[in-house]
Amino acid sequence: MESRKPPPSPLVDSYVVPGDVVLDLSEMTNQTIKLGTGLRQECDTIQATSAGMLRLSKPNKYWVESSQKRYVPSVEDTVLGVVVDTKPDNFLVDIKGPNVAFLPVLSFEGGTRRNIPKFEIGTLIYARVVKANSFMNPELSCMDAAGKAAEFGQLKGGYMFDTSTGMSRMLLSSPTCPVLEALGKKLSFEIAVGLNGRVWVNAPAPSTVILVSNAIMRSESLSGIKQRAMVENLLERLS
């Protein structure tokens, strides 16, 4: 069921609570709606299962954004995981969810039994959720939908810190959120954001890593204007 222009829910960018009907499927024909965290289908309706802001990303994925530390895995989420154990067929990865995730040893571009990556416990991985439900452990992959490594894989060096899931979604929003836009105009750095409430930052200078990390952690409760002002203040201290 594909749709060219599905009509958005009138509750987009509004606060919803569990039980709120956000979409009436009986009024929508020949359309595909993708559901993210905090939503489920009940007969001909889509209802909220958690409290937060209803969000919509193009073309037609809905989710409830709640600023919480606990992460509920959803298919196609990008996550930052930490290897906690290794098995013959899987790496066991902590993604801040209810259960540890499985990362099959062959879920890498060109992966074969002869070139299985050797990850030690504590290795930081940027991966994609490919299977997720409440009855089984999530499954990860370090390939995109086309089977390419893309940006996925081991992250070396840098600094990783925890944030809320809502903050992670803000950092990944389009257009670029103000704090990253302001930082990117003045500094050169790498960043990987996991929807599971983890952020990784790397740069040639340790002082840049510290500044970028502090700016991000301080920005969650600030407006766009205040985010830019805060970045300018931090840059002045650095110079």
C-alpha atoms as a PDB file:
ATOM      1  CA  MET A   1       0.000   0.000   0.000  1.00  0.00           C
ATOM      2  CA  GLU A   2       1.891   3.035  -1.209  1.00  0.00           C
ATOM      3  CA  SER A   3       0.782   6.623  -0.895  1.00  0.00           C
ATOM      4  CA  ARG A   4       2.183   9.647  -2.623  1.00  0.00           C
ATOM      5  CA  LYS A   5       0.923  12.242  -0.152  1.00  0.00           C
ATOM      6  CA  PRO A   6      -0.672  10.773   2.963  1.00  0.00           C
ATOM      7  CA  PRO A   7      -2.563  13.468   4.874  1.00  0.00           C
ATOM      8  CA  PRO A   8      -0.759  14.239   8.141  1.00  0.00           C
ATOM      9  CA  SER A   9      -2.400  13.681  11.486  1.00  0.00           C
ATOM     10  CA  PRO A  10      -3.845  16.905  12.946  1.00  0.00           C
ATOM     11  CA  LEU A  11      -2.010  16.008  16.165  1.00  0.00           C
ATOM     12  CA  VAL A  12       1.498  16.241  14.649  1.00  0.00           C
ATOM     13  CA  ASP A  13       3.734  18.362  16.929  1.00  0.00           C
ATOM     14  CA  SER A  14       1.095  18.156  19.675  1.00  0.00           C
ATOM     15  CA  TYR A  15       1.336  16.414  23.044  1.00  0.00           C
ATOM     16  CA  VAL A  16      -0.380  13.016  23.149  1.00  0.00           C
ATOM     17  CA  VAL A  17      -0.993  10.507  25.949  1.00  0.00           C
ATOM     18  CA  PRO A  18      -1.579   6.726  25.910  1.00  0.00           C
ATOM     19  CA  GLY A  19      -4.913   5.908  24.270  1.00  0.00           C
ATOM     20  CA  ASP A  20      -5.080   9.013  22.081  1.00  0.00           C
ATOM     21  CA  VAL A  21      -6.174   8.195  18.511  1.00  0.00           C
ATOM     22  CA  VAL A  22      -3.672   9.923  16.249  1.00  0.00           C
ATOM     23  CA  LEU A  23      -4.830   8.479  12.919  1.00  0.00           C
ATOM     24  CA  ASP A  24      -8.082   7.005  11.598  1.00  0.00           C
ATOM     25  CA  LEU A  25      -7.109   4.379   9.011  1.00  0.00           C
ATOM     26  CA  SER A  26     -10.708   4.038   7.784  1.00  0.00           C
ATOM     27  CA  GLU A  27     -10.299   7.457   6.189  1.00  0.00           C
ATOM     28  CA  MET A  28      -7.061   6.481   4.469  1.00  0.00           C
ATOM     29  CA  THR A  29      -6.974   4.084   1.531  1.00  0.00           C
ATOM     30  CA  ASN A  30      -4.033   2.738  -0.449  1.00  0.00           C
ATOM     31  CA  GLN A  31      -1.512   4.318   1.906  1.00  0.00           C
ATOM     32  CA  THR A  32       1.448   2.995   3.864  1.00  0.00           C
ATOM     33  CA  ILE A  33       2.030   4.424   7.317  1.00  0.00           C
ATOM     34  CA  LYS A  34       5.217   3.539   9.185  1.00  0.00           C
ATOM     35  CA  LEU A  35       4.963   3.431  12.954  1.00  0.00           C
ATOM     36  CA  GLY A  36       7.839   4.220  15.281  1.00  0.00           C
ATOM     37  CA  THR A  37       8.202   4.280  19.045  1.00  0.00           C
ATOM     38  CA  GLY A  38       5.115   5.014  21.129  1.00  0.00           C
ATOM     39  CA  LEU A  39       2.429   4.006  18.605  1.00  0.00           C
ATOM     40  CA  ARG A  40       0.447   0.879  17.765  1.00  0.00           C
ATOM     41  CA  GLN A  41      -2.444  -0.123  15.525  1.00  0.00           C
ATOM     42  CA  GLU A  42      -5.800  -0.931  17.130  1.00  0.00           C
ATOM     43  CA  CYS A  43      -8.301  -2.095  14.472  1.00  0.00           C
ATOM     44  CA  ASP A  44      -8.736   0.896  12.145  1.00  0.00           C
ATOM     45  CA  THR A  45      -6.898   3.388  14.329  1.00  0.00           C
ATOM     46  CA  ILE A  46      -3.360   4.277  15.295  1.00  0.00           C
ATOM     47  CA  GLN A  47      -3.109   4.987  19.013  1.00  0.00           C
ATOM     48  CA  ALA A  48      -0.430   6.407  21.271  1.00  0.00           C
ATOM     49  CA  THR A  49       1.099   4.013  23.810  1.00  0.00           C
ATOM     50  CA  SER A  50       3.305   6.583  25.536  1.00  0.00           C
ATOM     51  CA  ALA A  51       3.138  10.265  26.399  1.00  0.00           C
ATOM     52  CA  GLY A  52       5.073  12.814  24.372  1.00  0.00           C
ATOM     53  CA  MET A  53       5.065  14.880  21.178  1.00  0.00           C
ATOM     54  CA  LEU A  54       3.657  13.231  18.052  1.00  0.00           C
ATOM     55  CA  ARG A  55       6.205  13.580  15.273  1.00  0.00           C
ATOM     56  CA  LEU A  56       6.133  12.946  11.517  1.00  0.00           C
ATOM     57  CA  SER A  57       9.116  12.495   9.214  1.00  0.00           C
ATOM     58  CA  LYS A  58       8.939  12.334   5.435  1.00  0.00           C
ATOM     59  CA  PRO A  59       7.461  10.559   3.737  1.00  0.00           C
ATOM     60  CA  ASN A  60       5.107   9.033   6.320  1.00  0.00           C
ATOM     61  CA  LYS A  61       6.713   7.752   9.530  1.00  0.00           C
ATOM     62  CA  TYR A  62       5.027   8.656  12.808  1.00  0.00           C
ATOM     63  CA  TRP A  63       6.421   8.287  16.313  1.00  0.00           C
ATOM     64  CA  VAL A  64       5.947   9.712  19.805  1.00  0.00           C
ATOM     65  CA  GLU A  65       8.942  11.695  20.987  1.00  0.00           C
ATOM     66  CA  SER A  66       9.426  11.542  24.729  1.00  0.00           C
ATOM     67  CA  SER A  67      12.494  12.804  26.543  1.00  0.00           C
ATOM     68  CA  GLN A  68      13.331   9.650  28.425  1.00  0.00           C
ATOM     69  CA  LYS A  69      16.469   7.682  29.145  1.00  0.00           C
ATOM     70  CA  ARG A  70      14.893   4.285  28.446  1.00  0.00           C
ATOM     71  CA  TYR A  71      14.954   3.263  24.814  1.00  0.00           C
ATOM     72  CA  VAL A  72      12.395   1.051  23.069  1.00  0.00           C
ATOM     73  CA  PRO A  73      13.900  -0.388  19.846  1.00  0.00           C
ATOM     74  CA  SER A  74      12.100   0.187  16.546  1.00  0.00           C
ATOM     75  CA  VAL A  75      12.979  -1.213  13.103  1.00  0.00           C
ATOM     76  CA  GLU A  76      15.195   1.127  11.029  1.00  0.00           C
ATOM     77  CA  ASP A  77      16.415   3.031  14.071  1.00  0.00           C
ATOM     78  CA  THR A  78      20.120   3.853  14.027  1.00  0.00           C
ATOM     79  CA  VAL A  79      21.737   3.114  17.387  1.00  0.00           C
ATOM     80  CA  LEU A  80      25.038   3.337  19.216  1.00  0.00           C
ATOM     81  CA  GLY A  81      25.729   0.033  20.932  1.00  0.00           C
ATOM     82  CA  VAL A  82      28.434  -1.329  23.206  1.00  0.00           C
ATOM     83  CA  VAL A  83      29.636  -4.914  22.764  1.00  0.00           C
ATOM     84  CA  VAL A  84      29.097  -6.781  26.047  1.00  0.00           C
ATOM     85  CA  ASP A  85      29.851 -10.353  24.924  1.00  0.00           C
ATOM     86  CA  THR A  86      30.869 -12.366  21.873  1.00  0.00           C
ATOM     87  CA  LYS A  87      29.428 -15.674  20.653  1.00  0.00           C
ATOM     88  CA  PRO A  88      30.300 -17.841  17.630  1.00  0.00           C
ATOM     89  CA  ASP A  89      27.401 -16.439  15.602  1.00  0.00           C
ATOM     90  CA  ASN A  90      26.592 -13.102  17.269  1.00  0.00           C
ATOM     91  CA  PHE A  91      27.970 -10.154  19.129  1.00  0.00           C
ATOM     92  CA  LEU A  92      25.812  -9.250  22.122  1.00  0.00           C
ATOM     93  CA  VAL A  93      25.304  -5.486  22.180  1.00  0.00           C
ATOM     94  CA  ASP A  94      23.911  -3.142  24.836  1.00  0.00           C
ATOM     95  CA  ILE A  95      21.665  -0.528  23.171  1.00  0.00           C
ATOM     96  CA  LYS A  96      20.014   0.820  26.363  1.00  0.00           C
ATOM     97  CA  GLY A  97      16.879  -1.193  25.622  1.00  0.00           C
ATOM     98  CA  PRO A  98      14.977  -3.685  27.783  1.00  0.00           C
ATOM     99  CA  ASN A  99      17.038  -6.542  26.306  1.00  0.00           C
ATOM    100  CA  VAL A 100      20.507  -6.982  24.876  1.00  0.00           C
ATOM    101  CA  ALA A 101      20.633  -6.905  21.047  1.00  0.00           C
ATOM    102  CA  PHE A 102      22.116  -9.498  18.687  1.00  0.00           C
ATOM    103  CA  LEU A 103      24.543  -8.399  15.966  1.00  0.00           C
ATOM    104  CA  PRO A 104      25.163 -11.408  13.677  1.00  0.00           C
ATOM    105  CA  VAL A 105      28.834 -11.817  12.772  1.00  0.00           C
ATOM    106  CA  LEU A 106      27.879 -11.851   9.066  1.00  0.00           C
ATOM    107  CA  SER A 107      25.866  -8.598   9.224  1.00  0.00           C
ATOM    108  CA  PHE A 108      28.710  -6.593   7.727  1.00  0.00           C
ATOM    109  CA  GLU A 109      29.403  -5.666   4.109  1.00  0.00           C
ATOM    110  CA  GLY A 110      31.134  -8.599   2.436  1.00  0.00           C
ATOM    111  CA  GLY A 111      30.878 -10.578   5.651  1.00  0.00           C
ATOM    112  CA  THR A 112      31.986 -14.231   5.471  1.00  0.00           C
ATOM    113  CA  ARG A 113      33.177 -16.792   7.975  1.00  0.00           C
ATOM    114  CA  ARG A 114      36.751 -15.991   6.901  1.00  0.00           C
ATOM    115  CA  ASN A 115      36.636 -12.291   7.717  1.00  0.00           C
ATOM    116  CA  ILE A 116      34.542 -12.035  10.864  1.00  0.00           C
ATOM    117  CA  PRO A 117      35.381  -8.777  12.651  1.00  0.00           C
ATOM    118  CA  LYS A 118      37.137  -9.131  15.977  1.00  0.00           C
ATOM    119  CA  PHE A 119      35.420  -6.865  18.490  1.00  0.00           C
ATOM    120  CA  GLU A 120      36.490  -6.786  22.122  1.00  0.00           C
ATOM    121  CA  ILE A 121      34.050  -6.226  24.968  1.00  0.00           C
ATOM    122  CA  GLY A 122      33.489  -2.480  25.232  1.00  0.00           C
ATOM    123  CA  THR A 123      33.763  -1.815  21.487  1.00  0.00           C
ATOM    124  CA  LEU A 124      31.425   0.963  20.324  1.00  0.00           C
ATOM    125  CA  ILE A 125      29.289   0.096  17.293  1.00  0.00           C
ATOM    126  CA  TYR A 126      27.060   2.252  15.069  1.00  0.00           C
ATOM    127  CA  ALA A 127      24.325  -0.025  13.724  1.00  0.00           C
ATOM    128  CA  ARG A 128      20.807  -0.270  12.339  1.00  0.00           C
ATOM    129  CA  VAL A 129      17.900  -2.089  14.006  1.00  0.00           C
ATOM    130  CA  VAL A 130      16.522  -4.682  11.559  1.00  0.00           C
ATOM    131  CA  LYS A 131      14.271  -6.703  13.880  1.00  0.00           C
ATOM    132  CA  ALA A 132      12.428  -5.526  16.972  1.00  0.00           C
ATOM    133  CA  ASN A 133       9.392  -6.708  18.906  1.00  0.00           C
ATOM    134  CA  SER A 134       8.465  -7.361  22.514  1.00  0.00           C
ATOM    135  CA  PHE A 135       8.896 -11.142  22.225  1.00  0.00           C
ATOM    136  CA  MET A 136      12.540 -11.382  21.178  1.00  0.00           C
ATOM    137  CA  ASN A 137      15.900  -9.676  21.432  1.00  0.00           C
ATOM    138  CA  PRO A 138      16.434  -6.916  18.857  1.00  0.00           C
ATOM    139  CA  GLU A 139      18.663  -7.717  15.892  1.00  0.00           C
ATOM    140  CA  LEU A 140      21.174  -5.252  14.483  1.00  0.00           C
ATOM    141  CA  SER A 141      23.040  -4.892  11.218  1.00  0.00           C
ATOM    142  CA  CYS A 142      26.088  -2.867  10.198  1.00  0.00           C
ATOM    143  CA  MET A 143      24.776  -2.548   6.635  1.00  0.00           C
ATOM    144  CA  ASP A 144      22.204  -0.288   5.035  1.00  0.00           C
ATOM    145  CA  ALA A 145      19.188  -1.648   3.143  1.00  0.00           C
ATOM    146  CA  ALA A 146      21.370  -2.045   0.023  1.00  0.00           C
ATOM    147  CA  GLY A 147      23.883  -4.240   1.866  1.00  0.00           C
ATOM    148  CA  LYS A 148      26.553  -1.527   2.028  1.00  0.00           C
ATOM    149  CA  ALA A 149      28.509  -0.535   5.120  1.00  0.00           C
ATOM    150  CA  ALA A 150      27.610   3.149   4.634  1.00  0.00           C
ATOM    151  CA  GLU A 151      28.364   4.904   7.944  1.00  0.00           C
ATOM    152  CA  PHE A 152      27.854   1.777  10.056  1.00  0.00           C
ATOM    153  CA  GLY A 153      30.489  -0.187  11.950  1.00  0.00           C
ATOM    154  CA  GLN A 154      33.011   0.317  14.722  1.00  0.00           C
ATOM    155  CA  LEU A 155      33.598   3.846  16.048  1.00  0.00           C
ATOM    156  CA  LYS A 156      37.185   4.379  17.191  1.00  0.00           C
ATOM    157  CA  GLY A 157      38.435   7.077  19.514  1.00  0.00           C
ATOM    158  CA  GLY A 158      36.279  10.055  20.367  1.00  0.00           C
ATOM    159  CA  TYR A 159      33.874  10.387  23.274  1.00  0.00           C
ATOM    160  CA  MET A 160      30.444   8.805  23.778  1.00  0.00           C
ATOM    161  CA  PHE A 161      27.831  10.159  26.183  1.00  0.00           C
ATOM    162  CA  ASP A 162      24.206   9.463  27.045  1.00  0.00           C
ATOM    163  CA  THR A 163      21.290  11.792  26.429  1.00  0.00           C
ATOM    164  CA  SER A 164      17.513  11.462  26.223  1.00  0.00           C
ATOM    165  CA  THR A 165      15.847   9.812  23.243  1.00  0.00           C
ATOM    166  CA  GLY A 166      14.084  13.094  22.496  1.00  0.00           C
ATOM    167  CA  MET A 167      17.423  14.895  22.336  1.00  0.00           C
ATOM    168  CA  SER A 168      18.753  12.281  19.926  1.00  0.00           C
ATOM    169  CA  ARG A 169      15.818  12.829  17.579  1.00  0.00           C
ATOM    170  CA  MET A 170      16.349  16.588  17.746  1.00  0.00           C
ATOM    171  CA  LEU A 171      19.982  16.150  16.718  1.00  0.00           C
ATOM    172  CA  LEU A 172      18.921  14.010  13.745  1.00  0.00           C
ATOM    173  CA  SER A 173      16.113  16.328  12.660  1.00  0.00           C
ATOM    174  CA  SER A 174      15.965  18.117   9.321  1.00  0.00           C
ATOM    175  CA  PRO A 175      16.783  20.940   8.832  1.00  0.00           C
ATOM    176  CA  THR A 176      19.882  20.725  11.014  1.00  0.00           C
ATOM    177  CA  CYS A 177      19.162  21.638  14.632  1.00  0.00           C
ATOM    178  CA  PRO A 178      20.546  25.033  15.712  1.00  0.00           C
ATOM    179  CA  VAL A 179      23.231  23.733  18.089  1.00  0.00           C
ATOM    180  CA  LEU A 180      24.848  21.523  15.419  1.00  0.00           C
ATOM    181  CA  GLU A 181      24.470  24.210  12.768  1.00  0.00           C
ATOM    182  CA  ALA A 182      26.232  26.777  14.972  1.00  0.00           C
ATOM    183  CA  LEU A 183      29.001  24.342  15.927  1.00  0.00           C
ATOM    184  CA  GLY A 184      29.521  23.221  12.325  1.00  0.00           C
ATOM    185  CA  LYS A 185      30.155  26.788  11.144  1.00  0.00           C
ATOM    186  CA  LYS A 186      33.153  27.183  13.450  1.00  0.00           C
ATOM    187  CA  LEU A 187      34.521  23.736  14.211  1.00  0.00           C
ATOM    188  CA  SER A 188      35.510  20.551  12.404  1.00  0.00           C
ATOM    189  CA  PHE A 189      34.288  17.378  14.081  1.00  0.00           C
ATOM    190  CA  GLU A 190      32.634  13.989  13.507  1.00  0.00           C
ATOM    191  CA  ILE A 191      29.380  13.012  15.168  1.00  0.00           C
ATOM    192  CA  ALA A 192      27.232   9.873  15.293  1.00  0.00           C
ATOM    193  CA  VAL A 193      23.825  10.007  16.945  1.00  0.00           C
ATOM    194  CA  GLY A 194      21.897   6.936  18.057  1.00  0.00           C
ATOM    195  CA  LEU A 195      18.158   7.108  18.501  1.00  0.00           C
ATOM    196  CA  ASN A 196      18.736   5.092  21.670  1.00  0.00           C
ATOM    197  CA  GLY A 197      19.966   8.214  23.464  1.00  0.00           C
ATOM    198  CA  ARG A 198      23.699   8.034  22.787  1.00  0.00           C
ATOM    199  CA  VAL A 199      25.970  10.484  21.002  1.00  0.00           C
ATOM    200  CA  TRP A 200      29.576  10.015  19.838  1.00  0.00           C
ATOM    201  CA  VAL A 201      31.843  12.953  19.038  1.00  0.00           C
ATOM    202  CA  ASN A 202      35.368  12.920  17.607  1.00  0.00           C
ATOM    203  CA  ALA A 203      37.747  15.676  16.513  1.00  0.00           C
ATOM    204  CA  PRO A 204      41.503  16.222  16.048  1.00  0.00           C
ATOM    205  CA  ALA A 205      41.679  18.390  19.182  1.00  0.00           C
ATOM    206  CA  PRO A 206      40.418  17.093  22.550  1.00  0.00           C
ATOM    207  CA  SER A 207      39.259  20.629  23.409  1.00  0.00           C
ATOM    208  CA  THR A 208      36.885  20.519  20.426  1.00  0.00           C
ATOM    209  CA  VAL A 209      35.435  17.178  21.553  1.00  0.00           C
ATOM    210  CA  ILE A 210      34.792  18.618  25.018  1.00  0.00           C
ATOM    211  CA  LEU A 211      33.214  21.820  23.685  1.00  0.00           C
ATOM    212  CA  VAL A 212      30.913  20.038  21.213  1.00  0.00           C
ATOM    213  CA  SER A 213      29.841  17.476  23.817  1.00  0.00           C
ATOM    214  CA  ASN A 214      29.109  20.155  26.425  1.00  0.00           C
ATOM    215  CA  ALA A 215      27.158  22.244  23.915  1.00  0.00           C
ATOM    216  CA  ILE A 216      24.959  19.298  22.959  1.00  0.00           C
ATOM    217  CA  MET A 217      24.297  18.279  26.562  1.00  0.00           C
ATOM    218  CA  ARG A 218      23.311  21.844  27.506  1.00  0.00           C
ATOM    219  CA  SER A 219      21.044  22.444  24.509  1.00  0.00           C
ATOM    220  CA  GLU A 220      18.061  20.157  25.151  1.00  0.00           C
ATOM    221  CA  SER A 221      15.968  22.646  27.117  1.00  0.00           C
ATOM    222  CA  LEU A 222      17.008  25.700  25.068  1.00  0.00           C
ATOM    223  CA  SER A 223      15.258  27.423  22.177  1.00  0.00           C
ATOM    224  CA  GLY A 224      17.056  27.732  18.843  1.00  0.00           C
ATOM    225  CA  ILE A 225      18.127  31.300  19.582  1.00  0.00           C
ATOM    226  CA  LYS A 226      19.462  30.338  23.007  1.00  0.00           C
ATOM    227  CA  GLN A 227      21.299  27.331  21.542  1.00  0.00           C
ATOM    228  CA  ARG A 228      23.191  29.597  19.130  1.00  0.00           C
ATOM    229  CA  ALA A 229      23.993  32.090  21.899  1.00  0.00           C
ATOM    230  CA  MET A 230      25.257  29.300  24.143  1.00  0.00           C
ATOM    231  CA  VAL A 231      27.567  28.011  21.385  1.00  0.00           C
ATOM    232  CA  GLU A 232      28.958  31.520  20.795  1.00  0.00           C
ATOM    233  CA  ASN A 233      29.671  31.829  24.510  1.00  0.00           C
ATOM    234  CA  LEU A 234      31.514  28.503  24.606  1.00  0.00           C
ATOM    235  CA  LEU A 235      33.553  29.412  21.516  1.00  0.00           C
ATOM    236  CA  GLU A 236      34.608  32.706  23.096  1.00  0.00           C
ATOM    237  CA  ARG A 237      35.941  30.818  26.109  1.00  0.00           C
ATOM    238  CA  LEU A 238      37.896  28.502  23.813  1.00  0.00           C
ATOM    239  CA  SER A 239      39.578  31.313  21.864  1.00  0.00           C
END
